[in-house]
PDB file of N, CA and C in Angstrom:
ATOM      1  N   MET A   1     119.015  93.151 108.185  1.00  0.00           N
ATOM      2  CA  MET A   1     117.705  93.492 107.687  1.00  0.00           C
ATOM      3  C   MET A   1     117.769  94.913 107.124  1.00  0.00           C
ATOM      4  N   TYR A   2     117.119  95.108 105.991  1.00  0.00           N
ATOM      5  CA  TYR A   2     117.055  96.439 105.403  1.00  0.00           C
ATOM      6  C   TYR A   2     115.628  96.729 104.966  1.00  0.00           C
ATOM      7  N   ALA A   3     115.365  98.009 104.753  1.00  0.00           N
ATOM      8  CA  ALA A   3     114.035  98.444 104.327  1.00  0.00           C
ATOM      9  C   ALA A   3     114.196  99.525 103.271  1.00  0.00           C
ATOM     10  N   ILE A   4     113.185  99.621 102.412  1.00  0.00           N
ATOM     11  CA  ILE A   4     113.120 100.723 101.461  1.00  0.00           C
ATOM     12  C   ILE A   4     111.945 101.587 101.885  1.00  0.00           C
ATOM     13  N   ILE A   5     112.250 102.856 102.191  1.00  0.00           N
ATOM     14  CA  ILE A   5     111.235 103.778 102.662  1.00  0.00           C
ATOM     15  C   ILE A   5     111.080 104.919 101.657  1.00  0.00           C
ATOM     16  N   GLU A   6     109.942 105.584 101.724  1.00  0.00           N
ATOM     17  CA  GLU A   6     109.694 106.744 100.863  1.00  0.00           C
ATOM     18  C   GLU A   6     109.438 107.941 101.758  1.00  0.00           C
ATOM     19  N   ASP A   7     110.098 109.056 101.434  1.00  0.00           N
ATOM     20  CA  ASP A   7     109.901 110.292 102.177  1.00  0.00           C
ATOM     21  C   ASP A   7     110.002 111.462 101.214  1.00  0.00           C
ATOM     22  N   SER A   8     108.967 112.234 101.113  1.00  0.00           N
ATOM     23  CA  SER A   8     108.911 113.415 100.235  1.00  0.00           C
ATOM     24  C   SER A   8     109.209 113.062  98.785  1.00  0.00           C
ATOM     25  N   GLY A   9     108.720 111.917  98.325  1.00  0.00           N
ATOM     26  CA  GLY A   9     108.904 111.518  96.939  1.00  0.00           C
ATOM     27  C   GLY A   9     110.250 110.893  96.638  1.00  0.00           C
ATOM     28  N   THR A  10     111.097 110.687  97.641  1.00  0.00           N
ATOM     29  CA  THR A  10     112.417 110.088  97.463  1.00  0.00           C
ATOM     30  C   THR A  10     112.462 108.755  98.202  1.00  0.00           C
ATOM     31  N   GLN A  11     113.028 107.740  97.549  1.00  0.00           N
ATOM     32  CA  GLN A  11     113.137 106.428  98.174  1.00  0.00           C
ATOM     33  C   GLN A  11     114.547 106.235  98.715  1.00  0.00           C
ATOM     34  N   PHE A  12     114.639 105.638  99.909  1.00  0.00           N
ATOM     35  CA  PHE A  12     115.908 105.378 100.571  1.00  0.00           C
ATOM     36  C   PHE A  12     115.980 103.905 100.940  1.00  0.00           C
ATOM     37  N   LYS A  13     117.142 103.289 100.737  1.00  0.00           N
ATOM     38  CA  LYS A  13     117.401 101.939 101.235  1.00  0.00           C
ATOM     39  C   LYS A  13     118.180 102.096 102.533  1.00  0.00           C
ATOM     40  N   VAL A  14     117.594 101.660 103.650  1.00  0.00           N
ATOM     41  CA  VAL A  14     118.182 101.906 104.959  1.00  0.00           C
ATOM     42  C   VAL A  14     118.328 100.609 105.748  1.00  0.00           C
ATOM     43  N   THR A  15     119.340 100.570 106.584  1.00  0.00           N
ATOM     44  CA  THR A  15     119.521  99.531 107.586  1.00  0.00           C
ATOM     45  C   THR A  15     119.698 100.225 108.924  1.00  0.00           C
ATOM     46  N   ALA A  16     119.646  99.456 110.006  1.00  0.00           N
ATOM     47  CA  ALA A  16     119.830 100.045 111.332  1.00  0.00           C
ATOM     48  C   ALA A  16     121.262 100.576 111.440  1.00  0.00           C
ATOM     49  N   GLY A  17     121.390 101.821 111.877  1.00  0.00           N
ATOM     50  CA  GLY A  17     122.694 102.448 112.007  1.00  0.00           C
ATOM     51  C   GLY A  17     123.065 103.371 110.862  1.00  0.00           C
ATOM     52  N   ASP A  18     122.304 103.358 109.765  1.00  0.00           N
ATOM     53  CA  ASP A  18     122.585 104.246 108.625  1.00  0.00           C
ATOM     54  C   ASP A  18     122.230 105.688 108.972  1.00  0.00           C
ATOM     55  N   THR A  19     122.921 106.618 108.323  1.00  0.00           N
ATOM     56  CA  THR A  19     122.627 108.036 108.457  1.00  0.00           C
ATOM     57  C   THR A  19     122.212 108.566 107.087  1.00  0.00           C
ATOM     58  N   ILE A  20     121.037 109.204 107.016  1.00  0.00           N
ATOM     59  CA  ILE A  20     120.540 109.752 105.748  1.00  0.00           C
ATOM     60  C   ILE A  20     120.141 111.204 105.952  1.00  0.00           C
ATOM     61  N   ARG A  21     120.029 111.933 104.829  1.00  0.00           N
ATOM     62  CA  ARG A  21     119.562 113.319 104.855  1.00  0.00           C
ATOM     63  C   ARG A  21     118.176 113.378 104.238  1.00  0.00           C
ATOM     64  N   ILE A  22     117.217 113.910 104.995  1.00  0.00           N
ATOM     65  CA  ILE A  22     115.862 114.074 104.494  1.00  0.00           C
ATOM     66  C   ILE A  22     115.575 115.570 104.390  1.00  0.00           C
ATOM     67  N   ASP A  23     114.562 115.935 103.610  1.00  0.00           N
ATOM     68  CA  ASP A  23     114.163 117.336 103.528  1.00  0.00           C
ATOM     69  C   ASP A  23     113.746 117.818 104.910  1.00  0.00           C
ATOM     70  N   ARG A  24     114.085 119.069 105.217  1.00  0.00           N
ATOM     71  CA  ARG A  24     113.784 119.587 106.542  1.00  0.00           C
ATOM     72  C   ARG A  24     112.280 119.728 106.699  1.00  0.00           C
ATOM     73  N   GLN A  25     111.714 118.906 107.575  1.00  0.00           N
ATOM     74  CA  GLN A  25     110.291 118.937 107.863  1.00  0.00           C
ATOM     75  C   GLN A  25     110.040 118.649 109.325  1.00  0.00           C
ATOM     76  N   VAL A  26     111.113 118.532 110.097  1.00  0.00           N
ATOM     77  CA  VAL A  26     111.019 118.163 111.502  1.00  0.00           C
ATOM     78  C   VAL A  26     110.983 119.429 112.335  1.00  0.00           C
ATOM     79  N   ALA A  27     110.084 119.488 113.319  1.00  0.00           N
ATOM     80  CA  ALA A  27     110.038 120.630 114.221  1.00  0.00           C
ATOM     81  C   ALA A  27     111.295 120.639 115.096  1.00  0.00           C
ATOM     82  N   GLU A  28     111.635 121.793 115.631  1.00  0.00           N
ATOM     83  CA  GLU A  28     112.887 121.953 116.363  1.00  0.00           C
ATOM     84  C   GLU A  28     112.979 121.066 117.603  1.00  0.00           C
ATOM     85  N   GLY A  29     111.869 120.794 118.287  1.00  0.00           N
ATOM     86  CA  GLY A  29     111.921 120.030 119.523  1.00  0.00           C
ATOM     87  C   GLY A  29     111.900 118.525 119.352  1.00  0.00           C
ATOM     88  N   ASP A  30     111.645 118.030 118.149  1.00  0.00           N
ATOM     89  CA  ASP A  30     111.510 116.584 117.941  1.00  0.00           C
ATOM     90  C   ASP A  30     112.861 115.895 118.014  1.00  0.00           C
ATOM     91  N   LYS A  31     112.886 114.733 118.669  1.00  0.00           N
ATOM     92  CA  LYS A  31     114.117 113.943 118.786  1.00  0.00           C
ATOM     93  C   LYS A  31     114.087 112.703 117.893  1.00  0.00           C
ATOM     94  N   THR A  32     112.881 112.219 117.550  1.00  0.00           N
ATOM     95  CA  THR A  32     112.763 111.035 116.707  1.00  0.00           C
ATOM     96  C   THR A  32     111.802 111.309 115.554  1.00  0.00           C
ATOM     97  N   VAL A  33     111.999 110.550 114.480  1.00  0.00           N
ATOM     98  CA  VAL A  33     111.134 110.617 113.305  1.00  0.00           C
ATOM     99  C   VAL A  33     110.693 109.198 112.991  1.00  0.00           C
ATOM    100  N   THR A  34     109.411 109.008 112.696  1.00  0.00           N
ATOM    101  CA  THR A  34     108.889 107.696 112.331  1.00  0.00           C
ATOM    102  C   THR A  34     108.439 107.742 110.876  1.00  0.00           C
ATOM    103  N   PHE A  35     109.001 106.845 110.069  1.00  0.00           N
ATOM    104  CA  PHE A  35     108.623 106.718 108.666  1.00  0.00           C
ATOM    105  C   PHE A  35     107.634 105.571 108.552  1.00  0.00           C
ATOM    106  N   ASP A  36     106.404 105.869 108.118  1.00  0.00           N
ATOM    107  CA  ASP A  36     105.394 104.820 107.989  1.00  0.00           C
ATOM    108  C   ASP A  36     105.164 104.407 106.546  1.00  0.00           C
ATOM    109  N   ARG A  37     105.797 105.091 105.603  1.00  0.00           N
ATOM    110  CA  ARG A  37     105.684 104.721 104.189  1.00  0.00           C
ATOM    111  C   ARG A  37     106.818 103.748 103.842  1.00  0.00           C
ATOM    112  N   VAL A  38     106.659 102.490 104.255  1.00  0.00           N
ATOM    113  CA  VAL A  38     107.644 101.444 104.024  1.00  0.00           C
ATOM    114  C   VAL A  38     107.199 100.628 102.821  1.00  0.00           C
ATOM    115  N   LEU A  39     108.078 100.513 101.820  1.00  0.00           N
ATOM    116  CA  LEU A  39     107.742  99.806 100.587  1.00  0.00           C
ATOM    117  C   LEU A  39     108.178  98.347 100.615  1.00  0.00           C
ATOM    118  N   LEU A  40     109.300  98.057 101.296  1.00  0.00           N
ATOM    119  CA  LEU A  40     109.851  96.703 101.287  1.00  0.00           C
ATOM    120  C   LEU A  40     110.683  96.498 102.531  1.00  0.00           C
ATOM    121  N   VAL A  41     110.617  95.294 103.095  1.00  0.00           N
ATOM    122  CA  VAL A  41     111.491  94.878 104.191  1.00  0.00           C
ATOM    123  C   VAL A  41     112.064  93.531 103.799  1.00  0.00           C
ATOM    124  N   ALA A  42     113.404  93.411 103.822  1.00  0.00           N
ATOM    125  CA  ALA A  42     114.056  92.167 103.407  1.00  0.00           C
ATOM    126  C   ALA A  42     115.331  91.986 104.208  1.00  0.00           C
ATOM    127  N   GLY A  43     115.952  90.847 104.001  1.00  0.00           N
ATOM    128  CA  GLY A  43     117.229  90.569 104.643  1.00  0.00           C
ATOM    129  C   GLY A  43     117.206  89.332 105.512  1.00  0.00           C
ATOM    130  N   GLU A  44     116.072  88.977 106.057  1.00  0.00           N
ATOM    131  CA  GLU A  44     115.933  87.771 106.875  1.00  0.00           C
ATOM    132  C   GLU A  44     114.758  86.970 106.335  1.00  0.00           C
ATOM    133  N   GLY A  45     115.046  85.823 105.748  1.00  0.00           N
ATOM    134  CA  GLY A  45     113.974  85.017 105.173  1.00  0.00           C
ATOM    135  C   GLY A  45     113.436  85.629 103.895  1.00  0.00           C
ATOM    136  N   GLN A  46     112.149  85.435 103.661  1.00  0.00           N
ATOM    137  CA  GLN A  46     111.505  85.967 102.468  1.00  0.00           C
ATOM    138  C   GLN A  46     111.291  87.473 102.602  1.00  0.00           C
ATOM    139  N   PRO A  47     111.502  88.230 101.539  1.00  0.00           N
ATOM    140  CA  PRO A  47     111.226  89.665 101.605  1.00  0.00           C
ATOM    141  C   PRO A  47     109.731  89.940 101.654  1.00  0.00           C
ATOM    142  N   LYS A  48     109.362  90.992 102.378  1.00  0.00           N
ATOM    143  CA  LYS A  48     107.971  91.418 102.454  1.00  0.00           C
ATOM    144  C   LYS A  48     107.832  92.650 101.577  1.00  0.00           C
ATOM    145  N   VAL A  49     107.005  92.540 100.551  1.00  0.00           N
ATOM    146  CA  VAL A  49     106.831  93.613  99.587  1.00  0.00           C
ATOM    147  C   VAL A  49     105.425  94.169  99.721  1.00  0.00           C
ATOM    148  N   GLY A  50     105.314  95.478  99.803  1.00  0.00           N
ATOM    149  CA  GLY A  50     104.014  96.127  99.908  1.00  0.00           C
ATOM    150  C   GLY A  50     103.406  96.353  98.542  1.00  0.00           C
ATOM    151  N   ALA A  51     102.100  96.611  98.547  1.00  0.00           N
ATOM    152  CA  ALA A  51     101.407  96.860  97.281  1.00  0.00           C
ATOM    153  C   ALA A  51     100.518  98.077  97.430  1.00  0.00           C
ATOM    154  N   PRO A  52     100.968  99.289  97.439  1.00  0.00           N
ATOM    155  CA  PRO A  52     102.358  99.727  97.345  1.00  0.00           C
ATOM    156  C   PRO A  52     103.065  99.842  98.698  1.00  0.00           C
ATOM    157  N   LEU A  53     102.324  99.867  99.832  1.00  0.00           N
ATOM    158  CA  LEU A  53     102.946 100.033 101.144  1.00  0.00           C
ATOM    159  C   LEU A  53     102.706  98.814 102.014  1.00  0.00           C
ATOM    160  N   LEU A  54     103.646  98.552 102.935  1.00  0.00           N
ATOM    161  CA  LEU A  54     103.470  97.496 103.928  1.00  0.00           C
ATOM    162  C   LEU A  54     102.652  98.048 105.085  1.00  0.00           C
ATOM    163  N   SER A  55     101.572  97.379 105.434  1.00  0.00           N
ATOM    164  CA  SER A  55     100.754  97.847 106.551  1.00  0.00           C
ATOM    165  C   SER A  55     101.399  97.405 107.863  1.00  0.00           C
ATOM    166  N   GLY A  56     101.503  98.330 108.793  1.00  0.00           N
ATOM    167  CA  GLY A  56     102.057  98.034 110.110  1.00  0.00           C
ATOM    168  C   GLY A  56     103.564  98.130 110.214  1.00  0.00           C
ATOM    169  N   ALA A  57     104.268  98.328 109.129  1.00  0.00           N
ATOM    170  CA  ALA A  57     105.726  98.431 109.162  1.00  0.00           C
ATOM    171  C   ALA A  57     106.135  99.892 109.339  1.00  0.00           C
ATOM    172  N   THR A  58     107.104 100.126 110.217  1.00  0.00           N
ATOM    173  CA  THR A  58     107.616 101.474 110.456  1.00  0.00           C
ATOM    174  C   THR A  58     109.127 101.434 110.571  1.00  0.00           C
ATOM    175  N   VAL A  59     109.732 102.570 110.322  1.00  0.00           N
ATOM    176  CA  VAL A  59     111.176 102.748 110.519  1.00  0.00           C
ATOM    177  C   VAL A  59     111.338 103.955 111.431  1.00  0.00           C
ATOM    178  N   VAL A  60     112.075 103.764 112.530  1.00  0.00           N
ATOM    179  CA  VAL A  60     112.266 104.819 113.517  1.00  0.00           C
ATOM    180  C   VAL A  60     113.681 105.362 113.379  1.00  0.00           C
ATOM    181  N   ALA A  61     113.810 106.704 113.396  1.00  0.00           N
ATOM    182  CA  ALA A  61     115.114 107.347 113.250  1.00  0.00           C
ATOM    183  C   ALA A  61     115.260 108.446 114.287  1.00  0.00           C
ATOM    184  N   ASP A  62     116.499 108.669 114.728  1.00  0.00           N
ATOM    185  CA  ASP A  62     116.820 109.737 115.664  1.00  0.00           C
ATOM    186  C   ASP A  62     117.364 110.927 114.893  1.00  0.00           C
ATOM    187  N   VAL A  63     116.926 112.129 115.266  1.00  0.00           N
ATOM    188  CA  VAL A  63     117.399 113.345 114.616  1.00  0.00           C
ATOM    189  C   VAL A  63     118.814 113.643 115.121  1.00  0.00           C
ATOM    190  N   VAL A  64     119.754 113.812 114.162  1.00  0.00           N
ATOM    191  CA  VAL A  64     121.139 114.112 114.523  1.00  0.00           C
ATOM    192  C   VAL A  64     121.354 115.617 114.537  1.00  0.00           C
ATOM    193  N   ARG A  65     121.117 116.273 113.394  1.00  0.00           N
ATOM    194  CA  ARG A  65     121.310 117.718 113.308  1.00  0.00           C
ATOM    195  C   ARG A  65     120.726 118.237 111.999  1.00  0.00           C
ATOM    196  N   ALA A  66     120.686 119.551 111.893  1.00  0.00           N
ATOM    197  CA  ALA A  66     120.261 120.205 110.661  1.00  0.00           C
ATOM    198  C   ALA A  66     121.500 120.506 109.830  1.00  0.00           C
ATOM    199  N   VAL A  67     121.440 120.206 108.536  1.00  0.00           N
ATOM    200  CA  VAL A  67     122.574 120.432 107.640  1.00  0.00           C
ATOM    201  C   VAL A  67     122.099 121.178 106.401  1.00  0.00           C
ATOM    202  N   LYS A  68     123.069 121.747 105.669  1.00  0.00           N
ATOM    203  CA  LYS A  68     122.774 122.435 104.423  1.00  0.00           C
ATOM    204  C   LYS A  68     123.448 121.711 103.275  1.00  0.00           C
ATOM    205  N   GLY A  69     122.783 121.685 102.147  1.00  0.00           N
ATOM    206  CA  GLY A  69     123.338 121.074 100.951  1.00  0.00           C
ATOM    207  C   GLY A  69     124.291 122.027 100.256  1.00  0.00           C
ATOM    208  N   PRO A  70     124.828 121.620  99.116  1.00  0.00           N
ATOM    209  CA  PRO A  70     125.753 122.488  98.387  1.00  0.00           C
ATOM    210  C   PRO A  70     125.018 123.675  97.753  1.00  0.00           C
ATOM    211  N   LYS A  71     125.740 124.754  97.558  1.00  0.00           N
ATOM    212  CA  LYS A  71     125.183 125.947  96.923  1.00  0.00           C
ATOM    213  C   LYS A  71     125.053 125.691  95.424  1.00  0.00           C
ATOM    214  N   VAL A  72     123.887 125.990  94.875  1.00  0.00           N
ATOM    215  CA  VAL A  72     123.628 125.826  93.457  1.00  0.00           C
ATOM    216  C   VAL A  72     123.391 127.214  92.876  1.00  0.00           C
ATOM    217  N   ASP A  73     124.217 127.607  91.898  1.00  0.00           N
ATOM    218  CA  ASP A  73     124.086 128.908  91.250  1.00  0.00           C
ATOM    219  C   ASP A  73     123.504 128.737  89.859  1.00  0.00           C
ATOM    220  N   THR A  74     122.560 129.604  89.517  1.00  0.00           N
ATOM    221  CA  THR A  74     121.987 129.638  88.183  1.00  0.00           C
ATOM    222  C   THR A  74     122.238 131.028  87.613  1.00  0.00           C
ATOM    223  N   ILE A  75     122.796 131.080  86.426  1.00  0.00           N
ATOM    224  CA  ILE A  75     123.116 132.353  85.798  1.00  0.00           C
ATOM    225  C   ILE A  75     122.353 132.453  84.483  1.00  0.00           C
ATOM    226  N   LYS A  76     121.658 133.578  84.311  1.00  0.00           N
ATOM    227  CA  LYS A  76     120.944 133.846  83.064  1.00  0.00           C
ATOM    228  C   LYS A  76     121.519 135.116  82.460  1.00  0.00           C
ATOM    229  N   HIS A  77     121.736 135.106  81.183  1.00  0.00           N
ATOM    230  CA  HIS A  77     122.127 136.345  80.515  1.00  0.00           C
ATOM    231  C   HIS A  77     121.754 136.282  79.035  1.00  0.00           C
ATOM    232  N   ARG A  78     121.608 137.460  78.428  1.00  0.00           N
ATOM    233  CA  ARG A  78     121.342 137.583  77.009  1.00  0.00           C
ATOM    234  C   ARG A  78     122.523 138.331  76.395  1.00  0.00           C
ATOM    235  N   ARG A  79     123.049 137.797  75.340  1.00  0.00           N
ATOM    236  CA  ARG A  79     124.225 138.442  74.764  1.00  0.00           C
ATOM    237  C   ARG A  79     123.869 139.783  74.128  1.00  0.00           C
ATOM    238  N   ARG A  80     124.742 140.719  74.316  1.00  0.00           N
ATOM    239  CA  ARG A  80     124.664 142.072  73.762  1.00  0.00           C
ATOM    240  C   ARG A  80     123.447 142.874  74.230  1.00  0.00           C
ATOM    241  N   LYS A  81     122.759 142.435  75.276  1.00  0.00           N
ATOM    242  CA  LYS A  81     121.564 143.154  75.732  1.00  0.00           C
ATOM    243  C   LYS A  81     121.750 143.770  77.122  1.00  0.00           C
ATOM    244  N   GLY A  82     122.832 143.457  77.804  1.00  0.00           N
ATOM    245  CA  GLY A  82     123.059 143.983  79.147  1.00  0.00           C
ATOM    246  C   GLY A  82     122.237 143.286  80.217  1.00  0.00           C
ATOM    247  N   TYR A  83     121.654 142.142  79.887  1.00  0.00           N
ATOM    248  CA  TYR A  83     120.827 141.398  80.836  1.00  0.00           C
ATOM    249  C   TYR A  83     121.678 140.317  81.491  1.00  0.00           C
ATOM    250  N   TYR A  84     121.763 140.359  82.826  1.00  0.00           N
ATOM    251  CA  TYR A  84     122.530 139.380  83.589  1.00  0.00           C
ATOM    252  C   TYR A  84     121.819 139.173  84.913  1.00  0.00           C
ATOM    253  N   LYS A  85     121.560 137.915  85.246  1.00  0.00           N
ATOM    254  CA  LYS A  85     120.867 137.611  86.488  1.00  0.00           C
ATOM    255  C   LYS A  85     121.496 136.380  87.117  1.00  0.00           C
ATOM    256  N   LYS A  86     121.828 136.451  88.394  1.00  0.00           N
ATOM    257  CA  LYS A  86     122.409 135.322  89.122  1.00  0.00           C
ATOM    258  C   LYS A  86     121.468 134.957  90.268  1.00  0.00           C
ATOM    259  N   ILE A  87     121.092 133.682  90.320  1.00  0.00           N
ATOM    260  CA  ILE A  87     120.180 133.186  91.338  1.00  0.00           C
ATOM    261  C   ILE A  87     120.893 132.060  92.081  1.00  0.00           C
ATOM    262  N   GLY A  88     120.878 132.093  93.404  1.00  0.00           N
ATOM    263  CA  GLY A  88     121.506 131.055  94.211  1.00  0.00           C
ATOM    264  C   GLY A  88     120.487 130.345  95.079  1.00  0.00           C
ATOM    265  N   HIS A  89     120.760 129.081  95.380  1.00  0.00           N
ATOM    266  CA  HIS A  89     119.874 128.290  96.230  1.00  0.00           C
ATOM    267  C   HIS A  89     120.705 127.311  97.038  1.00  0.00           C
ATOM    268  N   ARG A  90     120.344 127.130  98.301  1.00  0.00           N
ATOM    269  CA  ARG A  90     121.009 126.154  99.162  1.00  0.00           C
ATOM    270  C   ARG A  90     119.932 125.422  99.953  1.00  0.00           C
ATOM    271  N   GLN A  91     119.761 124.139  99.669  1.00  0.00           N
ATOM    272  CA  GLN A  91     118.703 123.328 100.278  1.00  0.00           C
ATOM    273  C   GLN A  91     119.058 122.990 101.719  1.00  0.00           C
ATOM    274  N   LYS A  92     118.055 122.993 102.590  1.00  0.00           N
ATOM    275  CA  LYS A  92     118.245 122.633 103.995  1.00  0.00           C
ATOM    276  C   LYS A  92     117.717 121.225 104.216  1.00  0.00           C
ATOM    277  N   TYR A  93     118.498 120.428 104.930  1.00  0.00           N
ATOM    278  CA  TYR A  93     118.156 119.036 105.203  1.00  0.00           C
ATOM    279  C   TYR A  93     118.191 118.775 106.701  1.00  0.00           C
ATOM    280  N   THR A  94     117.618 117.649 107.105  1.00  0.00           N
ATOM    281  CA  THR A  94     117.745 117.143 108.456  1.00  0.00           C
ATOM    282  C   THR A  94     118.465 115.800 108.368  1.00  0.00           C
ATOM    283  N   GLN A  95     119.549 115.667 109.114  1.00  0.00           N
ATOM    284  CA  GLN A  95     120.309 114.420 109.124  1.00  0.00           C
ATOM    285  C   GLN A  95     119.748 113.533 110.228  1.00  0.00           C
ATOM    286  N   VAL A  96     119.352 112.302 109.862  1.00  0.00           N
ATOM    287  CA  VAL A  96     118.779 111.369 110.826  1.00  0.00           C
ATOM    288  C   VAL A  96     119.556 110.056 110.790  1.00  0.00           C
ATOM    289  N   LYS A  97     119.571 109.374 111.942  1.00  0.00           N
ATOM    290  CA  LYS A  97     120.229 108.070 112.050  1.00  0.00           C
ATOM    291  C   LYS A  97     119.157 107.025 112.333  1.00  0.00           C
ATOM    292  N   ILE A  98     119.117 105.986 111.497  1.00  0.00           N
ATOM    293  CA  ILE A  98     118.096 104.937 111.602  1.00  0.00           C
ATOM    294  C   ILE A  98     118.407 104.103 112.844  1.00  0.00           C
ATOM    295  N   SER A  99     117.391 103.952 113.722  1.00  0.00           N
ATOM    296  CA  SER A  99     117.612 103.194 114.948  1.00  0.00           C
ATOM    297  C   SER A  99     116.917 101.835 114.935  1.00  0.00           C
ATOM    298  N   ALA A 100     115.748 101.723 114.295  1.00  0.00           N
ATOM    299  CA  ALA A 100     115.029 100.446 114.318  1.00  0.00           C
ATOM    300  C   ALA A 100     114.140 100.310 113.095  1.00  0.00           C
ATOM    301  N   ILE A 101     113.987  99.056 112.659  1.00  0.00           N
ATOM    302  CA  ILE A 101     113.052  98.703 111.588  1.00  0.00           C
ATOM    303  C   ILE A 101     112.040  97.747 112.199  1.00  0.00           C
ATOM    304  N   ASN A 102     110.789  98.188 112.283  1.00  0.00           N
ATOM    305  CA  ASN A 102     109.734  97.384 112.890  1.00  0.00           C
ATOM    306  C   ASN A 102     108.814  96.841 111.805  1.00  0.00           C
ATOM    307  N   VAL A 103     108.587  95.525 111.833  1.00  0.00           N
ATOM    308  CA  VAL A 103     107.732  94.894 110.829  1.00  0.00           C
ATOM    309  C   VAL A 103     106.383  94.583 111.434  1.00  0.00           C
TER     310      VAL A 103
END
């Protein structure tokens, strides 16, 4: 059985046991995360499709750890003007492991 969930504007196709990275929004003490924005559940029998969301369907995940994404550098400069600017960014994520899909 698999589900398609939406979190922070991003859609994920998940099954039980999958590990995904979500934007860091979990408080430090939380051990589980519940996703209630489920768009589709399929895999056994007929698929259940929401319009746009399935009512009563949830996906439960356990928090594994906090991780960082790759460093992204942006460089701006103007030729012959002495203008040079370097901006760096590193996104923080929370790694979660899907434990159950409830319909």
